[in-house]
Amino acid sequence: MFTYDEKYKFTEEWFDPMISIWEQLFEKYEKENIKSVLEVGCFEGRATIFLCENILQEGTNYDIVDTFIYNNFTHNISHHPQINFNISKGYSQHVLPTLVEQNKQYDFIYIDASHRADDTFVDAYYAHKMLNKGGILIFDDFGWKDPNAPHAVNSPELGIRMFFSMYDNYYKLIMSGYQIGAEKIK
């Protein structure tokens, strides 16, 4: 199983339970076909670094969207100059439409930003427009619930369910649990 080198700076290990699942998932896909990545919400970059260390090839274009970028994140990605990072600081509902207007297309999209259902749905809507056929879309926090605000809008799950109820004929589910992943089939 993959472990992080000591050169990286992290304060949280939220992504770590997903490592073995992602390792199994990406065994089934041609890694060399992933030439463009969009990550919506990055925090310190544990998922980012996992991809850089295990999946991505030199020259991969990697777009990041987040409302703030931690110094730890920029430190961590600095160890991967072979990846073409482009960081957009701002709310995804503002940044993603500009990426659509630029005709950006991606082979892999990871959505791990807001924990609100409506925000997650909007992120998914724009991701769908930019994901290539055969591309992979993964949502984090499908299983997360806010214990202090139990209404469904306060969890990504409802937004993800709404997205797949609208676009189910475009996707094949490839992983489910705390995260949900799907391959775009048309």
N, C-alpha and C. Protein backbone atom coordinates (compact mmCIF):
# COMPACT_ATOMS: atom_id res chain seq x y z
N MET A 1 0.84 -1.18 0.00
CA MET A 1 0.00 0.00 0.00
C MET A 1 0.88 1.25 0.00
N PHE A 2 0.45 2.25 -0.70
CA PHE A 2 1.16 3.51 -0.82
C PHE A 2 1.25 4.23 0.52
N THR A 3 2.42 4.81 0.81
CA THR A 3 2.59 5.69 1.96
C THR A 3 3.27 6.97 1.50
N TYR A 4 3.03 8.04 2.21
CA TYR A 4 3.58 9.34 1.84
C TYR A 4 5.00 9.50 2.35
N ASP A 5 5.86 10.05 1.51
CA ASP A 5 7.24 10.35 1.87
C ASP A 5 7.26 11.48 2.89
N GLU A 6 8.29 11.52 3.71
CA GLU A 6 8.42 12.55 4.75
C GLU A 6 8.66 13.94 4.19
N LYS A 7 8.98 14.07 2.91
CA LYS A 7 9.20 15.39 2.32
C LYS A 7 7.91 16.21 2.22
N TYR A 8 6.76 15.53 2.28
CA TYR A 8 5.48 16.21 2.18
C TYR A 8 5.04 16.74 3.54
N LYS A 9 4.26 17.83 3.51
CA LYS A 9 3.73 18.44 4.73
C LYS A 9 2.22 18.25 4.77
N PHE A 10 1.75 17.51 5.75
CA PHE A 10 0.33 17.28 5.94
C PHE A 10 -0.04 17.43 7.41
N THR A 11 -1.25 17.87 7.67
CA THR A 11 -1.75 17.93 9.04
C THR A 11 -2.94 16.98 9.23
N GLU A 12 -3.55 16.53 8.16
CA GLU A 12 -4.73 15.65 8.22
C GLU A 12 -4.51 14.42 7.34
N GLU A 13 -5.22 13.36 7.67
CA GLU A 13 -5.10 12.10 6.92
C GLU A 13 -6.44 11.66 6.34
N TRP A 14 -7.32 12.61 6.02
CA TRP A 14 -8.66 12.28 5.58
C TRP A 14 -8.69 11.38 4.35
N PHE A 15 -7.77 11.53 3.44
CA PHE A 15 -7.78 10.74 2.20
C PHE A 15 -7.28 9.31 2.40
N ASP A 16 -6.47 9.08 3.40
CA ASP A 16 -5.77 7.80 3.56
C ASP A 16 -6.66 6.56 3.52
N PRO A 17 -7.88 6.57 4.09
CA PRO A 17 -8.71 5.36 3.98
C PRO A 17 -9.09 5.00 2.55
N MET A 18 -8.93 5.94 1.61
CA MET A 18 -9.30 5.70 0.22
C MET A 18 -8.15 5.14 -0.61
N ILE A 19 -6.94 5.16 -0.08
CA ILE A 19 -5.76 4.77 -0.88
C ILE A 19 -5.92 3.38 -1.47
N SER A 20 -6.24 2.38 -0.66
CA SER A 20 -6.33 1.01 -1.20
C SER A 20 -7.46 0.89 -2.22
N ILE A 21 -8.54 1.63 -2.02
CA ILE A 21 -9.66 1.60 -2.97
C ILE A 21 -9.23 2.22 -4.30
N TRP A 22 -8.53 3.36 -4.24
CA TRP A 22 -8.05 3.99 -5.48
C TRP A 22 -7.00 3.11 -6.16
N GLU A 23 -6.16 2.46 -5.39
CA GLU A 23 -5.17 1.56 -6.00
C GLU A 23 -5.86 0.46 -6.79
N GLN A 24 -6.89 -0.15 -6.22
CA GLN A 24 -7.65 -1.19 -6.91
C GLN A 24 -8.38 -0.62 -8.12
N LEU A 25 -8.97 0.54 -7.97
CA LEU A 25 -9.71 1.16 -9.06
C LEU A 25 -8.80 1.42 -10.26
N PHE A 26 -7.64 2.03 -10.01
CA PHE A 26 -6.78 2.41 -11.12
C PHE A 26 -6.01 1.24 -11.72
N GLU A 27 -6.04 0.08 -11.08
CA GLU A 27 -5.47 -1.12 -11.70
C GLU A 27 -6.26 -1.50 -12.95
N LYS A 28 -7.53 -1.13 -12.98
CA LYS A 28 -8.43 -1.51 -14.09
C LYS A 28 -8.38 -0.55 -15.27
N TYR A 29 -7.72 0.59 -15.11
CA TYR A 29 -7.72 1.61 -16.16
C TYR A 29 -6.31 1.86 -16.67
N GLU A 30 -6.23 2.22 -17.93
CA GLU A 30 -4.95 2.53 -18.56
C GLU A 30 -4.48 3.89 -18.05
N LYS A 31 -3.50 3.86 -17.17
CA LYS A 31 -3.03 5.09 -16.54
C LYS A 31 -2.51 6.09 -17.58
N GLU A 32 -1.91 5.59 -18.64
CA GLU A 32 -1.36 6.50 -19.66
C GLU A 32 -2.44 7.27 -20.40
N ASN A 33 -3.71 6.86 -20.25
CA ASN A 33 -4.80 7.60 -20.88
C ASN A 33 -5.24 8.82 -20.06
N ILE A 34 -4.73 8.95 -18.85
CA ILE A 34 -5.08 10.10 -18.02
C ILE A 34 -4.04 11.19 -18.29
N LYS A 35 -4.42 12.11 -19.16
CA LYS A 35 -3.51 13.19 -19.56
C LYS A 35 -3.97 14.55 -19.02
N SER A 36 -5.19 14.58 -18.47
CA SER A 36 -5.72 15.84 -17.94
C SER A 36 -6.60 15.54 -16.72
N VAL A 37 -6.38 16.33 -15.66
CA VAL A 37 -7.06 16.12 -14.39
C VAL A 37 -7.64 17.44 -13.91
N LEU A 38 -8.82 17.36 -13.32
CA LEU A 38 -9.43 18.48 -12.62
C LEU A 38 -9.73 18.02 -11.20
N GLU A 39 -9.23 18.78 -10.23
CA GLU A 39 -9.53 18.50 -8.83
C GLU A 39 -10.23 19.73 -8.27
N VAL A 40 -11.45 19.52 -7.78
CA VAL A 40 -12.24 20.60 -7.21
C VAL A 40 -12.20 20.42 -5.69
N GLY A 41 -11.39 21.25 -5.03
CA GLY A 41 -11.15 21.13 -3.60
C GLY A 41 -9.92 20.27 -3.37
N CYS A 42 -8.87 20.86 -2.82
CA CYS A 42 -7.61 20.11 -2.69
C CYS A 42 -7.05 20.05 -1.27
N PHE A 43 -7.40 20.97 -0.39
CA PHE A 43 -6.87 21.10 0.96
C PHE A 43 -5.35 21.06 0.91
N GLU A 44 -4.72 20.02 1.46
CA GLU A 44 -3.25 19.94 1.48
C GLU A 44 -2.70 19.07 0.35
N GLY A 45 -3.59 18.41 -0.39
CA GLY A 45 -3.16 17.66 -1.56
C GLY A 45 -2.83 16.20 -1.35
N ARG A 46 -3.42 15.54 -0.39
CA ARG A 46 -3.13 14.12 -0.22
C ARG A 46 -3.58 13.32 -1.45
N ALA A 47 -4.77 13.59 -1.97
CA ALA A 47 -5.22 12.90 -3.19
C ALA A 47 -4.35 13.31 -4.37
N THR A 48 -4.00 14.58 -4.44
CA THR A 48 -3.14 15.10 -5.50
C THR A 48 -1.82 14.35 -5.54
N ILE A 49 -1.18 14.24 -4.39
CA ILE A 49 0.12 13.58 -4.30
C ILE A 49 -0.01 12.09 -4.60
N PHE A 50 -1.08 11.46 -4.14
CA PHE A 50 -1.29 10.06 -4.48
C PHE A 50 -1.31 9.89 -5.99
N LEU A 51 -2.06 10.74 -6.69
CA LEU A 51 -2.13 10.65 -8.15
C LEU A 51 -0.77 10.90 -8.79
N CYS A 52 -0.06 11.91 -8.32
CA CYS A 52 1.27 12.23 -8.89
C CYS A 52 2.24 11.08 -8.71
N GLU A 53 2.20 10.45 -7.56
CA GLU A 53 3.15 9.38 -7.24
C GLU A 53 2.81 8.05 -7.92
N ASN A 54 1.53 7.81 -8.20
CA ASN A 54 1.11 6.48 -8.62
C ASN A 54 0.45 6.37 -9.99
N ILE A 55 -0.16 7.44 -10.46
CA ILE A 55 -1.02 7.32 -11.64
C ILE A 55 -0.53 8.17 -12.81
N LEU A 56 -0.18 9.41 -12.55
CA LEU A 56 0.03 10.37 -13.62
C LEU A 56 1.39 10.25 -14.29
N GLN A 57 1.39 10.57 -15.57
CA GLN A 57 2.60 10.55 -16.39
C GLN A 57 3.16 11.96 -16.47
N GLU A 58 4.42 12.05 -16.82
CA GLU A 58 5.05 13.35 -17.03
C GLU A 58 4.27 14.12 -18.09
N GLY A 59 4.05 15.41 -17.84
CA GLY A 59 3.35 16.26 -18.79
C GLY A 59 1.84 16.31 -18.60
N THR A 60 1.32 15.59 -17.61
CA THR A 60 -0.12 15.64 -17.35
C THR A 60 -0.53 17.07 -16.99
N ASN A 61 -1.63 17.52 -17.55
CA ASN A 61 -2.19 18.82 -17.20
C ASN A 61 -3.14 18.63 -16.03
N TYR A 62 -2.93 19.40 -14.97
CA TYR A 62 -3.65 19.19 -13.71
C TYR A 62 -4.18 20.54 -13.24
N ASP A 63 -5.50 20.72 -13.35
CA ASP A 63 -6.15 21.95 -12.90
C ASP A 63 -6.71 21.75 -11.50
N ILE A 64 -6.48 22.73 -10.65
CA ILE A 64 -6.93 22.73 -9.27
C ILE A 64 -7.87 23.91 -9.07
N VAL A 65 -9.00 23.70 -8.41
CA VAL A 65 -9.92 24.77 -8.05
C VAL A 65 -10.17 24.67 -6.55
N ASP A 66 -9.91 25.76 -5.84
CA ASP A 66 -10.19 25.80 -4.40
C ASP A 66 -10.34 27.25 -3.98
N THR A 67 -11.04 27.47 -2.87
CA THR A 67 -11.23 28.84 -2.39
C THR A 67 -9.97 29.39 -1.74
N PHE A 68 -9.13 28.52 -1.26
CA PHE A 68 -7.85 28.93 -0.68
C PHE A 68 -6.85 27.82 -0.91
N ILE A 69 -5.60 28.19 -1.01
CA ILE A 69 -4.54 27.21 -1.24
C ILE A 69 -3.57 27.30 -0.06
N TYR A 70 -3.46 26.22 0.67
CA TYR A 70 -2.56 26.17 1.81
C TYR A 70 -1.11 26.16 1.36
N ASN A 71 -0.24 26.72 2.19
CA ASN A 71 1.20 26.64 1.91
C ASN A 71 1.65 25.19 1.82
N ASN A 72 1.04 24.32 2.63
CA ASN A 72 1.39 22.90 2.55
C ASN A 72 1.09 22.34 1.17
N PHE A 73 -0.02 22.77 0.57
CA PHE A 73 -0.36 22.27 -0.77
C PHE A 73 0.69 22.68 -1.79
N THR A 74 1.05 23.95 -1.81
CA THR A 74 2.03 24.40 -2.80
C THR A 74 3.40 23.76 -2.54
N HIS A 75 3.74 23.56 -1.27
CA HIS A 75 4.98 22.84 -0.95
C HIS A 75 4.91 21.42 -1.51
N ASN A 76 3.81 20.73 -1.27
CA ASN A 76 3.69 19.34 -1.68
C ASN A 76 3.74 19.16 -3.19
N ILE A 77 3.06 20.02 -3.94
CA ILE A 77 3.09 19.84 -5.40
C ILE A 77 4.42 20.31 -5.99
N SER A 78 5.19 21.10 -5.25
CA SER A 78 6.50 21.55 -5.76
C SER A 78 7.44 20.38 -5.99
N HIS A 79 7.16 19.25 -5.39
CA HIS A 79 7.98 18.05 -5.58
C HIS A 79 7.63 17.31 -6.88
N HIS A 80 6.71 17.88 -7.66
CA HIS A 80 6.29 17.23 -8.91
C HIS A 80 6.31 18.22 -10.08
N PRO A 81 7.50 18.71 -10.42
CA PRO A 81 7.60 19.67 -11.53
C PRO A 81 7.26 19.05 -12.89
N GLN A 82 7.18 17.75 -12.97
CA GLN A 82 6.86 17.07 -14.23
C GLN A 82 5.36 17.15 -14.56
N ILE A 83 4.56 17.61 -13.59
CA ILE A 83 3.12 17.76 -13.79
C ILE A 83 2.84 19.25 -14.04
N ASN A 84 1.99 19.55 -15.01
CA ASN A 84 1.65 20.93 -15.36
C ASN A 84 0.46 21.40 -14.52
N PHE A 85 0.75 21.93 -13.33
CA PHE A 85 -0.31 22.40 -12.44
C PHE A 85 -0.79 23.78 -12.84
N ASN A 86 -2.10 23.98 -12.77
CA ASN A 86 -2.72 25.28 -12.95
C ASN A 86 -3.72 25.47 -11.81
N ILE A 87 -3.46 26.43 -10.93
CA ILE A 87 -4.29 26.64 -9.75
C ILE A 87 -5.22 27.82 -9.98
N SER A 88 -6.51 27.59 -9.77
CA SER A 88 -7.52 28.66 -9.83
C SER A 88 -8.09 28.83 -8.44
N LYS A 89 -7.84 29.99 -7.86
CA LYS A 89 -8.33 30.28 -6.52
C LYS A 89 -9.68 30.97 -6.63
N GLY A 90 -10.70 30.35 -6.05
CA GLY A 90 -12.04 30.92 -6.09
C GLY A 90 -13.08 29.84 -5.85
N TYR A 91 -14.33 30.28 -5.78
CA TYR A 91 -15.44 29.33 -5.61
C TYR A 91 -15.65 28.56 -6.90
N SER A 92 -15.88 27.26 -6.76
CA SER A 92 -16.02 26.41 -7.93
C SER A 92 -17.18 26.86 -8.82
N GLN A 93 -18.27 27.35 -8.24
CA GLN A 93 -19.40 27.77 -9.07
C GLN A 93 -19.08 28.98 -9.93
N HIS A 94 -17.97 29.67 -9.63
CA HIS A 94 -17.50 30.78 -10.46
C HIS A 94 -16.41 30.33 -11.42
N VAL A 95 -15.53 29.46 -10.95
CA VAL A 95 -14.38 29.05 -11.76
C VAL A 95 -14.76 28.00 -12.81
N LEU A 96 -15.57 27.02 -12.45
CA LEU A 96 -15.89 25.93 -13.38
C LEU A 96 -16.55 26.43 -14.67
N PRO A 97 -17.49 27.38 -14.63
CA PRO A 97 -18.06 27.86 -15.90
C PRO A 97 -16.99 28.48 -16.82
N THR A 98 -15.97 29.10 -16.24
CA THR A 98 -14.92 29.67 -17.09
C THR A 98 -14.10 28.57 -17.75
N LEU A 99 -13.93 27.45 -17.05
CA LEU A 99 -13.22 26.31 -17.66
C LEU A 99 -14.04 25.72 -18.80
N VAL A 100 -15.36 25.66 -18.62
CA VAL A 100 -16.25 25.19 -19.70
C VAL A 100 -16.13 26.12 -20.90
N GLU A 101 -16.15 27.43 -20.65
CA GLU A 101 -16.02 28.41 -21.74
C GLU A 101 -14.69 28.27 -22.47
N GLN A 102 -13.65 27.83 -21.77
CA GLN A 102 -12.33 27.62 -22.38
C GLN A 102 -12.24 26.27 -23.08
N ASN A 103 -13.35 25.52 -23.12
CA ASN A 103 -13.40 24.19 -23.74
C ASN A 103 -12.44 23.20 -23.12
N LYS A 104 -12.24 23.30 -21.82
CA LYS A 104 -11.36 22.35 -21.11
C LYS A 104 -12.03 20.99 -21.12
N GLN A 105 -11.22 19.96 -21.26
CA GLN A 105 -11.70 18.57 -21.22
C GLN A 105 -10.74 17.78 -20.34
N TYR A 106 -11.30 16.82 -19.60
CA TYR A 106 -10.51 16.08 -18.62
C TYR A 106 -10.77 14.58 -18.74
N ASP A 107 -9.74 13.83 -18.36
CA ASP A 107 -9.83 12.37 -18.31
C ASP A 107 -10.19 11.87 -16.91
N PHE A 108 -9.93 12.71 -15.91
CA PHE A 108 -10.22 12.36 -14.52
C PHE A 108 -10.63 13.63 -13.78
N ILE A 109 -11.74 13.56 -13.06
CA ILE A 109 -12.21 14.68 -12.24
C ILE A 109 -12.52 14.16 -10.84
N TYR A 110 -11.98 14.86 -9.86
CA TYR A 110 -12.21 14.53 -8.45
C TYR A 110 -12.88 15.72 -7.78
N ILE A 111 -14.07 15.49 -7.22
CA ILE A 111 -14.83 16.56 -6.57
C ILE A 111 -14.81 16.35 -5.07
N ASP A 112 -14.15 17.28 -4.38
CA ASP A 112 -13.99 17.21 -2.93
C ASP A 112 -13.98 18.63 -2.35
N ALA A 113 -15.01 19.39 -2.67
CA ALA A 113 -15.03 20.79 -2.23
C ALA A 113 -16.08 20.97 -1.14
N SER A 114 -17.17 21.60 -1.46
CA SER A 114 -18.21 21.91 -0.49
C SER A 114 -18.89 20.64 0.02
N HIS A 115 -19.39 20.74 1.24
CA HIS A 115 -20.16 19.64 1.81
C HIS A 115 -21.67 19.89 1.69
N ARG A 116 -22.05 20.86 0.90
CA ARG A 116 -23.47 21.14 0.68
C ARG A 116 -23.96 20.42 -0.58
N ALA A 117 -25.18 19.93 -0.53
CA ALA A 117 -25.75 19.19 -1.66
C ALA A 117 -25.87 20.05 -2.90
N ASP A 118 -26.32 21.30 -2.75
CA ASP A 118 -26.51 22.15 -3.93
C ASP A 118 -25.18 22.49 -4.58
N ASP A 119 -24.16 22.80 -3.80
CA ASP A 119 -22.83 23.08 -4.35
C ASP A 119 -22.26 21.85 -5.06
N THR A 120 -22.42 20.69 -4.44
CA THR A 120 -21.90 19.46 -5.04
C THR A 120 -22.59 19.18 -6.37
N PHE A 121 -23.90 19.39 -6.43
CA PHE A 121 -24.61 19.20 -7.70
C PHE A 121 -24.08 20.14 -8.77
N VAL A 122 -23.88 21.40 -8.44
CA VAL A 122 -23.37 22.37 -9.41
C VAL A 122 -21.98 21.96 -9.89
N ASP A 123 -21.11 21.54 -8.98
CA ASP A 123 -19.78 21.06 -9.37
C ASP A 123 -19.90 19.88 -10.33
N ALA A 124 -20.80 18.96 -10.02
CA ALA A 124 -20.99 17.77 -10.87
C ALA A 124 -21.53 18.16 -12.24
N TYR A 125 -22.47 19.09 -12.29
CA TYR A 125 -23.04 19.56 -13.55
C TYR A 125 -21.94 20.06 -14.49
N TYR A 126 -21.06 20.91 -13.97
CA TYR A 126 -19.98 21.44 -14.81
C TYR A 126 -18.94 20.36 -15.12
N ALA A 127 -18.67 19.50 -14.16
CA ALA A 127 -17.72 18.41 -14.40
C ALA A 127 -18.20 17.53 -15.55
N HIS A 128 -19.48 17.23 -15.56
CA HIS A 128 -20.06 16.40 -16.62
C HIS A 128 -19.78 17.00 -18.00
N LYS A 129 -19.90 18.30 -18.13
CA LYS A 129 -19.67 18.97 -19.41
C LYS A 129 -18.21 18.86 -19.86
N MET A 130 -17.29 18.68 -18.91
CA MET A 130 -15.86 18.69 -19.24
C MET A 130 -15.21 17.31 -19.21
N LEU A 131 -15.92 16.29 -18.75
CA LEU A 131 -15.34 14.96 -18.66
C LEU A 131 -15.42 14.25 -20.01
N ASN A 132 -14.29 13.75 -20.46
CA ASN A 132 -14.24 13.00 -21.71
C ASN A 132 -14.96 11.66 -21.58
N LYS A 133 -15.46 11.15 -22.68
CA LYS A 133 -16.00 9.79 -22.70
C LYS A 133 -14.89 8.84 -22.28
N GLY A 134 -15.21 7.92 -21.39
CA GLY A 134 -14.21 7.01 -20.84
C GLY A 134 -13.50 7.58 -19.63
N GLY A 135 -13.80 8.85 -19.30
CA GLY A 135 -13.18 9.49 -18.15
C GLY A 135 -13.81 9.04 -16.84
N ILE A 136 -13.10 9.30 -15.77
CA ILE A 136 -13.52 8.89 -14.43
C ILE A 136 -13.89 10.13 -13.62
N LEU A 137 -15.02 10.04 -12.92
CA LEU A 137 -15.51 11.08 -12.03
C LEU A 137 -15.67 10.49 -10.64
N ILE A 138 -14.99 11.07 -9.65
CA ILE A 138 -15.10 10.59 -8.28
C ILE A 138 -15.57 11.73 -7.39
N PHE A 139 -16.55 11.43 -6.55
CA PHE A 139 -17.05 12.35 -5.54
C PHE A 139 -16.58 11.88 -4.17
N ASP A 140 -16.01 12.79 -3.40
CA ASP A 140 -15.67 12.48 -2.02
C ASP A 140 -16.88 12.80 -1.13
N ASP A 141 -16.86 12.28 0.06
CA ASP A 141 -17.80 12.63 1.13
C ASP A 141 -19.25 12.23 0.88
N PHE A 142 -19.49 11.25 0.01
CA PHE A 142 -20.85 10.77 -0.19
C PHE A 142 -21.44 10.29 1.13
N GLY A 143 -20.62 9.69 1.95
CA GLY A 143 -21.08 9.15 3.23
C GLY A 143 -20.99 10.11 4.40
N TRP A 144 -20.62 11.37 4.15
CA TRP A 144 -20.45 12.33 5.23
C TRP A 144 -21.78 12.97 5.61
N LYS A 145 -22.01 13.12 6.90
CA LYS A 145 -23.19 13.81 7.42
C LYS A 145 -22.73 14.81 8.48
N ASP A 146 -23.33 15.99 8.47
CA ASP A 146 -23.02 17.00 9.48
C ASP A 146 -23.88 16.71 10.71
N PRO A 147 -23.27 16.30 11.82
CA PRO A 147 -24.06 15.96 13.01
C PRO A 147 -24.78 17.18 13.61
N ASN A 148 -24.30 18.38 13.31
CA ASN A 148 -24.92 19.58 13.86
C ASN A 148 -25.97 20.20 12.95
N ALA A 149 -26.07 19.72 11.72
CA ALA A 149 -27.05 20.23 10.77
C ALA A 149 -27.54 19.07 9.91
N PRO A 150 -28.48 18.28 10.44
CA PRO A 150 -28.86 17.02 9.77
C PRO A 150 -29.70 17.16 8.51
N HIS A 151 -30.11 18.36 8.12
CA HIS A 151 -30.92 18.49 6.91
C HIS A 151 -30.11 18.01 5.69
N ALA A 152 -30.77 17.40 4.73
CA ALA A 152 -30.12 16.79 3.57
C ALA A 152 -29.27 17.76 2.76
N VAL A 153 -29.61 19.05 2.76
CA VAL A 153 -28.82 20.02 1.99
C VAL A 153 -27.41 20.17 2.57
N ASN A 154 -27.21 19.75 3.80
CA ASN A 154 -25.91 19.89 4.47
C ASN A 154 -25.01 18.68 4.30
N SER A 155 -25.24 17.91 3.27
CA SER A 155 -24.42 16.75 2.95
C SER A 155 -24.31 16.64 1.43
N PRO A 156 -23.15 16.24 0.91
CA PRO A 156 -23.03 16.09 -0.55
C PRO A 156 -23.93 15.00 -1.14
N GLU A 157 -24.38 14.06 -0.32
CA GLU A 157 -25.10 12.90 -0.83
C GLU A 157 -26.30 13.26 -1.70
N LEU A 158 -27.14 14.18 -1.27
CA LEU A 158 -28.33 14.52 -2.04
C LEU A 158 -27.95 15.11 -3.40
N GLY A 159 -26.94 15.97 -3.43
CA GLY A 159 -26.50 16.55 -4.70
C GLY A 159 -25.96 15.49 -5.65
N ILE A 160 -25.23 14.53 -5.10
CA ILE A 160 -24.67 13.44 -5.92
C ILE A 160 -25.80 12.55 -6.45
N ARG A 161 -26.75 12.22 -5.58
CA ARG A 161 -27.89 11.40 -6.02
C ARG A 161 -28.70 12.12 -7.11
N MET A 162 -28.91 13.41 -6.93
CA MET A 162 -29.65 14.18 -7.96
C MET A 162 -28.89 14.17 -9.28
N PHE A 163 -27.58 14.35 -9.22
CA PHE A 163 -26.77 14.34 -10.44
C PHE A 163 -26.93 13.00 -11.17
N PHE A 164 -26.74 11.90 -10.46
CA PHE A 164 -26.83 10.60 -11.11
C PHE A 164 -28.26 10.25 -11.54
N SER A 165 -29.26 10.79 -10.87
CA SER A 165 -30.63 10.54 -11.33
C SER A 165 -30.88 11.27 -12.65
N MET A 166 -30.21 12.39 -12.87
CA MET A 166 -30.37 13.14 -14.12
C MET A 166 -29.49 12.60 -15.24
N TYR A 167 -28.31 12.11 -14.90
CA TYR A 167 -27.32 11.72 -15.92
C TYR A 167 -26.95 10.23 -15.85
N ASP A 168 -27.82 9.41 -15.27
CA ASP A 168 -27.50 8.01 -15.08
C ASP A 168 -27.20 7.27 -16.38
N ASN A 169 -27.78 7.70 -17.49
CA ASN A 169 -27.52 7.01 -18.75
C ASN A 169 -26.16 7.37 -19.34
N TYR A 170 -25.44 8.32 -18.74
CA TYR A 170 -24.11 8.70 -19.19
C TYR A 170 -22.99 8.01 -18.41
N TYR A 171 -23.33 7.33 -17.33
CA TYR A 171 -22.30 6.84 -16.42
C TYR A 171 -22.51 5.39 -16.02
N LYS A 172 -21.38 4.73 -15.75
CA LYS A 172 -21.37 3.39 -15.19
C LYS A 172 -20.69 3.50 -13.83
N LEU A 173 -21.39 3.11 -12.78
CA LEU A 173 -20.83 3.17 -11.44
C LEU A 173 -19.65 2.21 -11.32
N ILE A 174 -18.53 2.68 -10.81
CA ILE A 174 -17.33 1.84 -10.69
C ILE A 174 -16.84 1.72 -9.25
N MET A 175 -17.37 2.55 -8.35
CA MET A 175 -17.05 2.40 -6.93
C MET A 175 -18.14 3.07 -6.12
N SER A 176 -18.42 2.49 -4.95
CA SER A 176 -19.41 3.10 -4.07
C SER A 176 -19.03 2.81 -2.63
N GLY A 177 -19.44 3.69 -1.77
CA GLY A 177 -19.11 3.65 -0.36
C GLY A 177 -19.04 5.08 0.13
N TYR A 178 -18.02 5.40 0.90
CA TYR A 178 -17.85 6.77 1.37
C TYR A 178 -17.63 7.71 0.19
N GLN A 179 -16.97 7.20 -0.85
CA GLN A 179 -16.83 7.91 -2.12
C GLN A 179 -17.63 7.18 -3.19
N ILE A 180 -18.04 7.93 -4.19
CA ILE A 180 -18.75 7.37 -5.33
C ILE A 180 -17.92 7.68 -6.58
N GLY A 181 -17.72 6.68 -7.42
CA GLY A 181 -16.98 6.89 -8.66
C GLY A 181 -17.74 6.30 -9.83
N ALA A 182 -17.58 6.95 -10.98
CA ALA A 182 -18.27 6.48 -12.18
C ALA A 182 -17.41 6.75 -13.41
N GLU A 183 -17.59 5.92 -14.41
CA GLU A 183 -16.95 6.11 -15.71
C GLU A 183 -17.99 6.68 -16.67
N LYS A 184 -17.61 7.70 -17.43
CA LYS A 184 -18.52 8.28 -18.40
C LYS A 184 -18.53 7.38 -19.64
N ILE A 185 -19.69 6.86 -19.97
CA ILE A 185 -19.79 5.88 -21.05
C ILE A 185 -20.31 6.48 -22.36
N LYS A 186 -20.82 7.72 -22.31
CA LYS A 186 -21.22 8.37 -23.57
C LYS A 186 -21.23 9.86 -23.41
